[in-house]
Structure formats: structure tokens, C-alpha cells
PDB file of N, CA and C in Angstrom:
ATOM      1  N   MET A   1      -5.293  -4.601  -5.752  1.00  0.00           N
ATOM      2  CA  MET A   1      -4.096  -3.416  -5.608  1.00  0.00           C
ATOM      3  C   MET A   1      -3.011  -5.011  -5.587  1.00  0.00           C
ATOM      4  N   GLU A   2      -1.721  -4.145  -5.183  1.00  0.00           N
ATOM      5  CA  GLU A   2      -0.822  -4.931  -4.501  1.00  0.00           C
ATOM      6  C   GLU A   2       0.208  -4.565  -3.753  1.00  0.00           C
ATOM      7  N   ILE A   3      -0.348  -3.518  -2.779  1.00  0.00           N
ATOM      8  CA  ILE A   3       0.601  -2.778  -1.639  1.00  0.00           C
ATOM      9  C   ILE A   3       1.093  -4.044  -0.863  1.00  0.00           C
ATOM     10  N   ARG A   4       0.366  -5.109  -0.349  1.00  0.00           N
ATOM     11  CA  ARG A   4       0.950  -5.953   0.642  1.00  0.00           C
ATOM     12  C   ARG A   4       2.015  -6.661   0.042  1.00  0.00           C
ATOM     13  N   SER A   5       2.177  -7.123  -1.315  1.00  0.00           N
ATOM     14  CA  SER A   5       3.184  -8.017  -1.660  1.00  0.00           C
ATOM     15  C   SER A   5       4.280  -6.877  -1.698  1.00  0.00           C
ATOM     16  N   CYS A   6       4.349  -5.486  -2.316  1.00  0.00           N
ATOM     17  CA  CYS A   6       4.988  -4.696  -2.549  1.00  0.00           C
ATOM     18  C   CYS A   6       5.896  -4.308  -0.981  1.00  0.00           C
ATOM     19  N   ARG A   7       4.890  -4.258   0.180  1.00  0.00           N
ATOM     20  CA  ARG A   7       5.390  -3.699   1.193  1.00  0.00           C
ATOM     21  C   ARG A   7       5.882  -5.231   1.708  1.00  0.00           C
ATOM     22  N   GLU A   8       5.650  -6.142   1.543  1.00  0.00           N
ATOM     23  CA  GLU A   8       6.428  -7.536   1.995  1.00  0.00           C
ATOM     24  C   GLU A   8       7.769  -7.624   1.277  1.00  0.00           C
ATOM     25  N   LYS A   9       8.076  -7.232   0.146  1.00  0.00           N
ATOM     26  CA  LYS A   9       9.121  -7.520  -0.776  1.00  0.00           C
ATOM     27  C   LYS A   9      10.310  -6.658  -0.130  1.00  0.00           C
ATOM     28  N   VAL A  10       9.721  -5.669   0.233  1.00  0.00           N
ATOM     29  CA  VAL A  10      10.765  -4.088   1.037  1.00  0.00           C
ATOM     30  C   VAL A  10      11.275  -4.671   2.299  1.00  0.00           C
ATOM     31  N   GLY A  11      10.056  -5.664   2.944  1.00  0.00           N
ATOM     32  CA  GLY A  11      10.317  -6.175   4.124  1.00  0.00           C
ATOM     33  C   GLY A  11      10.055  -4.912   5.662  1.00  0.00           C
ATOM     34  N   ILE A  12       9.013  -4.184   5.052  1.00  0.00           N
ATOM     35  CA  ILE A  12       8.370  -2.937   5.993  1.00  0.00           C
ATOM     36  C   ILE A  12       7.380  -3.845   6.882  1.00  0.00           C
ATOM     37  N   ALA A  13       6.848  -3.607   7.918  1.00  0.00           N
ATOM     38  CA  ALA A  13       5.930  -3.629   8.780  1.00  0.00           C
ATOM     39  C   ALA A  13       4.537  -2.678   8.302  1.00  0.00           C
ATOM     40  N   GLN A  14       3.553  -3.471   8.401  1.00  0.00           N
ATOM     41  CA  GLN A  14       2.211  -2.973   7.930  1.00  0.00           C
ATOM     42  C   GLN A  14       1.951  -1.533   8.790  1.00  0.00           C
ATOM     43  N   GLY A  15       2.329  -1.928  10.021  1.00  0.00           N
ATOM     44  CA  GLY A  15       1.913  -0.597  11.095  1.00  0.00           C
ATOM     45  C   GLY A  15       3.444   0.707  10.788  1.00  0.00           C
ATOM     46  N   GLU A  16       4.364   0.393  10.490  1.00  0.00           N
ATOM     47  CA  GLU A  16       5.312   1.528  10.243  1.00  0.00           C
ATOM     48  C   GLU A  16       5.004   1.850   8.821  1.00  0.00           C
ATOM     49  N   LEU A  17       4.523   1.266   7.641  1.00  0.00           N
ATOM     50  CA  LEU A  17       4.376   1.871   6.715  1.00  0.00           C
ATOM     51  C   LEU A  17       3.147   3.003   6.603  1.00  0.00           C
ATOM     52  N   ALA A  18       2.028   2.209   7.790  1.00  0.00           N
ATOM     53  CA  ALA A  18       0.787   3.098   7.930  1.00  0.00           C
ATOM     54  C   ALA A  18       1.261   4.377   8.476  1.00  0.00           C
ATOM     55  N   LYS A  19       2.084   4.483   9.457  1.00  0.00           N
ATOM     56  CA  LYS A  19       2.746   5.518  10.276  1.00  0.00           C
ATOM     57  C   LYS A  19       3.417   6.684   9.301  1.00  0.00           C
ATOM     58  N   LYS A  20       4.381   6.109   8.259  1.00  0.00           N
ATOM     59  CA  LYS A  20       5.081   6.808   7.497  1.00  0.00           C
ATOM     60  C   LYS A  20       4.059   7.323   6.446  1.00  0.00           C
ATOM     61  N   VAL A  21       3.091   7.083   5.956  1.00  0.00           N
ATOM     62  CA  VAL A  21       2.226   7.573   4.832  1.00  0.00           C
ATOM     63  C   VAL A  21       1.119   8.084   5.704  1.00  0.00           C
ATOM     64  N   GLY A  22       1.125   8.235   6.836  1.00  0.00           N
ATOM     65  CA  GLY A  22      -0.050   9.115   7.469  1.00  0.00           C
ATOM     66  C   GLY A  22      -1.468   8.467   7.884  1.00  0.00           C
ATOM     67  N   VAL A  23      -1.564   7.151   7.746  1.00  0.00           N
ATOM     68  CA  VAL A  23      -2.949   6.469   7.646  1.00  0.00           C
ATOM     69  C   VAL A  23      -2.937   5.515   8.976  1.00  0.00           C
ATOM     70  N   THR A  24      -4.150   5.187   9.456  1.00  0.00           N
ATOM     71  CA  THR A  24      -4.142   3.871  10.157  1.00  0.00           C
ATOM     72  C   THR A  24      -3.907   2.744   9.823  1.00  0.00           C
ATOM     73  N   GLN A  25      -2.943   1.862  10.860  1.00  0.00           N
ATOM     74  CA  GLN A  25      -2.920   0.353  10.315  1.00  0.00           C
ATOM     75  C   GLN A  25      -4.265  -0.119  10.150  1.00  0.00           C
ATOM     76  N   GLN A  26      -5.085  -0.161  10.538  1.00  0.00           N
ATOM     77  CA  GLN A  26      -6.267  -0.639  10.082  1.00  0.00           C
ATOM     78  C   GLN A  26      -6.774  -0.100   8.960  1.00  0.00           C
ATOM     79  N   TYR A  27      -6.753   1.106   8.525  1.00  0.00           N
ATOM     80  CA  TYR A  27      -7.029   1.467   7.025  1.00  0.00           C
ATOM     81  C   TYR A  27      -6.058   0.863   6.139  1.00  0.00           C
ATOM     82  N   LEU A  28      -4.632   0.840   6.301  1.00  0.00           N
ATOM     83  CA  LEU A  28      -4.001   0.116   5.505  1.00  0.00           C
ATOM     84  C   LEU A  28      -4.107  -1.122   5.086  1.00  0.00           C
ATOM     85  N   CYS A  29      -4.560  -1.982   6.137  1.00  0.00           N
ATOM     86  CA  CYS A  29      -5.019  -3.199   6.357  1.00  0.00           C
ATOM     87  C   CYS A  29      -6.291  -3.360   5.342  1.00  0.00           C
ATOM     88  N   CYS A  30      -7.180  -2.554   5.616  1.00  0.00           N
ATOM     89  CA  CYS A  30      -8.699  -2.707   4.684  1.00  0.00           C
ATOM     90  C   CYS A  30      -7.871  -2.453   3.400  1.00  0.00           C
ATOM     91  N   LEU A  31      -7.115  -1.951   2.841  1.00  0.00           N
ATOM     92  CA  LEU A  31      -6.829  -1.173   1.486  1.00  0.00           C
ATOM     93  C   LEU A  31      -5.898  -2.912   0.919  1.00  0.00           C
ATOM     94  N   GLU A  32      -5.093  -3.301   1.746  1.00  0.00           N
ATOM     95  CA  GLU A  32      -4.496  -4.453   1.389  1.00  0.00           C
ATOM     96  C   GLU A  32      -5.274  -5.663   1.277  1.00  0.00           C
ATOM     97  N   ARG A  33      -6.230  -5.900   1.761  1.00  0.00           N
ATOM     98  CA  ARG A  33      -7.410  -6.539   1.627  1.00  0.00           C
ATOM     99  C   ARG A  33      -8.166  -6.697   0.864  1.00  0.00           C
ATOM    100  N   GLY A  34      -8.315  -5.602   0.240  1.00  0.00           N
ATOM    101  CA  GLY A  34      -9.241  -5.007  -0.645  1.00  0.00           C
ATOM    102  C   GLY A  34     -10.818  -4.585  -0.037  1.00  0.00           C
ATOM    103  N   LYS A  35     -10.967  -4.230   0.995  1.00  0.00           N
ATOM    104  CA  LYS A  35     -12.021  -3.977   1.739  1.00  0.00           C
ATOM    105  C   LYS A  35     -12.432  -2.678   1.478  1.00  0.00           C
ATOM    106  N   LYS A  36     -11.018  -1.841   1.577  1.00  0.00           N
ATOM    107  CA  LYS A  36     -11.449  -0.458   0.737  1.00  0.00           C
ATOM    108  C   LYS A  36     -10.467  -0.249  -0.781  1.00  0.00           C
ATOM    109  N   ASN A  37     -11.075   0.168  -1.618  1.00  0.00           N
ATOM    110  CA  ASN A  37     -10.525   0.265  -2.836  1.00  0.00           C
ATOM    111  C   ASN A  37     -10.435   1.187  -3.723  1.00  0.00           C
ATOM    112  N   ASN A  38     -10.997   2.597  -3.018  1.00  0.00           N
ATOM    113  CA  ASN A  38     -10.577   3.667  -3.816  1.00  0.00           C
ATOM    114  C   ASN A  38      -9.634   4.640  -2.888  1.00  0.00           C
ATOM    115  N   PRO A  39      -8.459   4.214  -2.696  1.00  0.00           N
ATOM    116  CA  PRO A  39      -7.302   5.202  -1.923  1.00  0.00           C
ATOM    117  C   PRO A  39      -7.147   6.235  -2.950  1.00  0.00           C
ATOM    118  N   SER A  40      -7.111   7.626  -2.316  1.00  0.00           N
ATOM    119  CA  SER A  40      -6.286   8.845  -3.310  1.00  0.00           C
ATOM    120  C   SER A  40      -5.514   8.649  -3.885  1.00  0.00           C
ATOM    121  N   LEU A  41      -5.042   9.304  -4.954  1.00  0.00           N
ATOM    122  CA  LEU A  41      -3.969   9.187  -5.956  1.00  0.00           C
ATOM    123  C   LEU A  41      -2.417   9.833  -5.314  1.00  0.00           C
ATOM    124  N   LYS A  42      -2.997  10.785  -4.142  1.00  0.00           N
ATOM    125  CA  LYS A  42      -1.838  11.491  -3.226  1.00  0.00           C
ATOM    126  C   LYS A  42      -1.548  10.198  -2.277  1.00  0.00           C
ATOM    127  N   LEU A  43      -2.798   9.355  -1.836  1.00  0.00           N
ATOM    128  CA  LEU A  43      -2.081   8.677  -0.739  1.00  0.00           C
ATOM    129  C   LEU A  43      -1.525   7.311  -1.587  1.00  0.00           C
ATOM    130  N   LEU A  44      -1.575   6.840  -2.820  1.00  0.00           N
ATOM    131  CA  LEU A  44      -0.722   6.115  -3.379  1.00  0.00           C
ATOM    132  C   LEU A  44       0.648   6.343  -3.656  1.00  0.00           C
ATOM    133  N   ALA A  45       0.455   7.594  -4.165  1.00  0.00           N
ATOM    134  CA  ALA A  45       2.188   8.346  -4.266  1.00  0.00           C
ATOM    135  C   ALA A  45       2.842   7.997  -3.090  1.00  0.00           C
ATOM    136  N   LYS A  46       2.306   8.279  -1.729  1.00  0.00           N
ATOM    137  CA  LYS A  46       3.043   8.114  -0.733  1.00  0.00           C
ATOM    138  C   LYS A  46       3.531   6.886  -0.514  1.00  0.00           C
ATOM    139  N   ILE A  47       2.374   5.981  -0.612  1.00  0.00           N
ATOM    140  CA  ILE A  47       2.712   4.436  -0.554  1.00  0.00           C
ATOM    141  C   ILE A  47       3.878   4.213  -1.002  1.00  0.00           C
ATOM    142  N   ALA A  48       3.910   4.350  -2.565  1.00  0.00           N
ATOM    143  CA  ALA A  48       4.530   4.188  -3.649  1.00  0.00           C
ATOM    144  C   ALA A  48       6.262   4.904  -3.236  1.00  0.00           C
ATOM    145  N   GLU A  49       6.335   5.848  -2.684  1.00  0.00           N
ATOM    146  CA  GLU A  49       7.633   6.536  -2.008  1.00  0.00           C
ATOM    147  C   GLU A  49       8.079   5.895  -1.326  1.00  0.00           C
ATOM    148  N   ALA A  50       7.375   5.619  -0.420  1.00  0.00           N
ATOM    149  CA  ALA A  50       7.815   4.934   0.984  1.00  0.00           C
ATOM    150  C   ALA A  50       8.468   3.719   0.958  1.00  0.00           C
ATOM    151  N   LEU A  51       7.703   2.817   0.060  1.00  0.00           N
ATOM    152  CA  LEU A  51       8.090   1.749  -0.359  1.00  0.00           C
ATOM    153  C   LEU A  51       9.525   1.672  -1.845  1.00  0.00           C
ATOM    154  N   ASN A  52       9.599   2.672  -1.932  1.00  0.00           N
ATOM    155  CA  ASN A  52      10.346   3.074  -3.538  1.00  0.00           C
ATOM    156  C   ASN A  52      10.104   1.957  -4.611  1.00  0.00           C
ATOM    157  N   VAL A  53       9.243   1.891  -4.999  1.00  0.00           N
ATOM    158  CA  VAL A  53       8.152   1.179  -6.062  1.00  0.00           C
ATOM    159  C   VAL A  53       7.812   2.451  -6.916  1.00  0.00           C
ATOM    160  N   PRO A  54       7.553   2.119  -8.259  1.00  0.00           N
ATOM    161  CA  PRO A  54       6.673   2.809  -8.948  1.00  0.00           C
ATOM    162  C   PRO A  54       5.563   2.835  -8.595  1.00  0.00           C
ATOM    163  N   ILE A  55       4.475   3.894  -8.872  1.00  0.00           N
ATOM    164  CA  ILE A  55       3.060   3.574  -8.172  1.00  0.00           C
ATOM    165  C   ILE A  55       1.979   2.502  -9.305  1.00  0.00           C
ATOM    166  N   THR A  56       2.724   2.230 -10.412  1.00  0.00           N
ATOM    167  CA  THR A  56       2.425   1.079 -11.069  1.00  0.00           C
ATOM    168  C   THR A  56       2.187  -0.186 -10.513  1.00  0.00           C
ATOM    169  N   ASP A  57       2.893  -0.388  -9.734  1.00  0.00           N
ATOM    170  CA  ASP A  57       3.332  -1.825  -9.232  1.00  0.00           C
ATOM    171  C   ASP A  57       2.688  -2.051  -7.923  1.00  0.00           C
ATOM    172  N   LEU A  58       1.827  -0.650  -7.567  1.00  0.00           N
ATOM    173  CA  LEU A  58       0.534  -1.000  -6.500  1.00  0.00           C
ATOM    174  C   LEU A  58      -0.615  -0.982  -7.004  1.00  0.00           C
ATOM    175  N   LEU A  59      -0.690  -0.606  -8.461  1.00  0.00           N
ATOM    176  CA  LEU A  59      -1.909  -0.900  -8.999  1.00  0.00           C
ATOM    177  C   LEU A  59      -2.311  -2.073  -9.789  1.00  0.00           C
ATOM    178  N   LYS A  60      -1.259  -3.085  -9.918  1.00  0.00           N
ATOM    179  CA  LYS A  60      -1.342  -4.491 -10.811  1.00  0.00           C
ATOM    180  C   LYS A  60      -2.372  -5.009 -10.053  1.00  0.00           C
ATOM    181  N   GLN A  61      -3.281  -5.917 -10.768  1.00  0.00           N
ATOM    182  CA  GLN A  61      -4.279  -6.860 -10.201  1.00  0.00           C
ATOM    183  C   GLN A  61      -3.646  -8.209  -9.636  1.00  0.00           C
ATOM    184  N   LYS A  62      -4.047  -8.587  -8.682  1.00  0.00           N
ATOM    185  CA  LYS A  62      -3.170 -10.312  -8.383  1.00  0.00           C
ATOM    186  C   LYS A  62      -3.952 -11.306  -9.628  1.00  0.00           C
ATOM    187  N   ALA A  63      -3.039 -12.344 -10.154  1.00  0.00           N
ATOM    188  CA  ALA A  63      -3.551 -13.284 -11.031  1.00  0.00           C
ATOM    189  C   ALA A  63      -4.628 -14.188 -10.241  1.00  0.00           C
ATOM    190  N   GLY A  64      -5.323 -14.617 -11.250  1.00  0.00           N
ATOM    191  CA  GLY A  64      -6.240 -15.485 -10.405  1.00  0.00           C
ATOM    192  C   GLY A  64      -6.893 -15.144  -9.777  1.00  0.00           C
TER     193      GLY A  64
END
């Protein structure tokens, strides 16, 4: 998932995004690092909306 790169492009802090979408910063960190890899579609939609990006941008795999 590309949550971190999308978040960084927008320039929003991890804690701020977590608060906007209703999860803990620790959970969001785990998503970004790949330690949690099955977020609900509803949560992904909230993250995409908060970052103003298409949900598909969050689902892209990192190259390499």
C-alpha cells in the first residue's frame, strides 16, 4: 500500500491523518509499514478522501 507516500505528497502528519480518519496513529503506522495489511474498504475510502486522492493510489504496490 502507498498510504505513506500519498500522505507525504500532501504534506499531512501521520497523527493528523489518523485523527481525521478515526484510527490511532499506531494503527496508521502499522498500515504504512505493512505490519497490518487488511484495512477495511471503508477505512481506505476515508484515508483517500482525507488525502484527496483516488483510492486506487493507496492500493498501488511499491516497486522493487
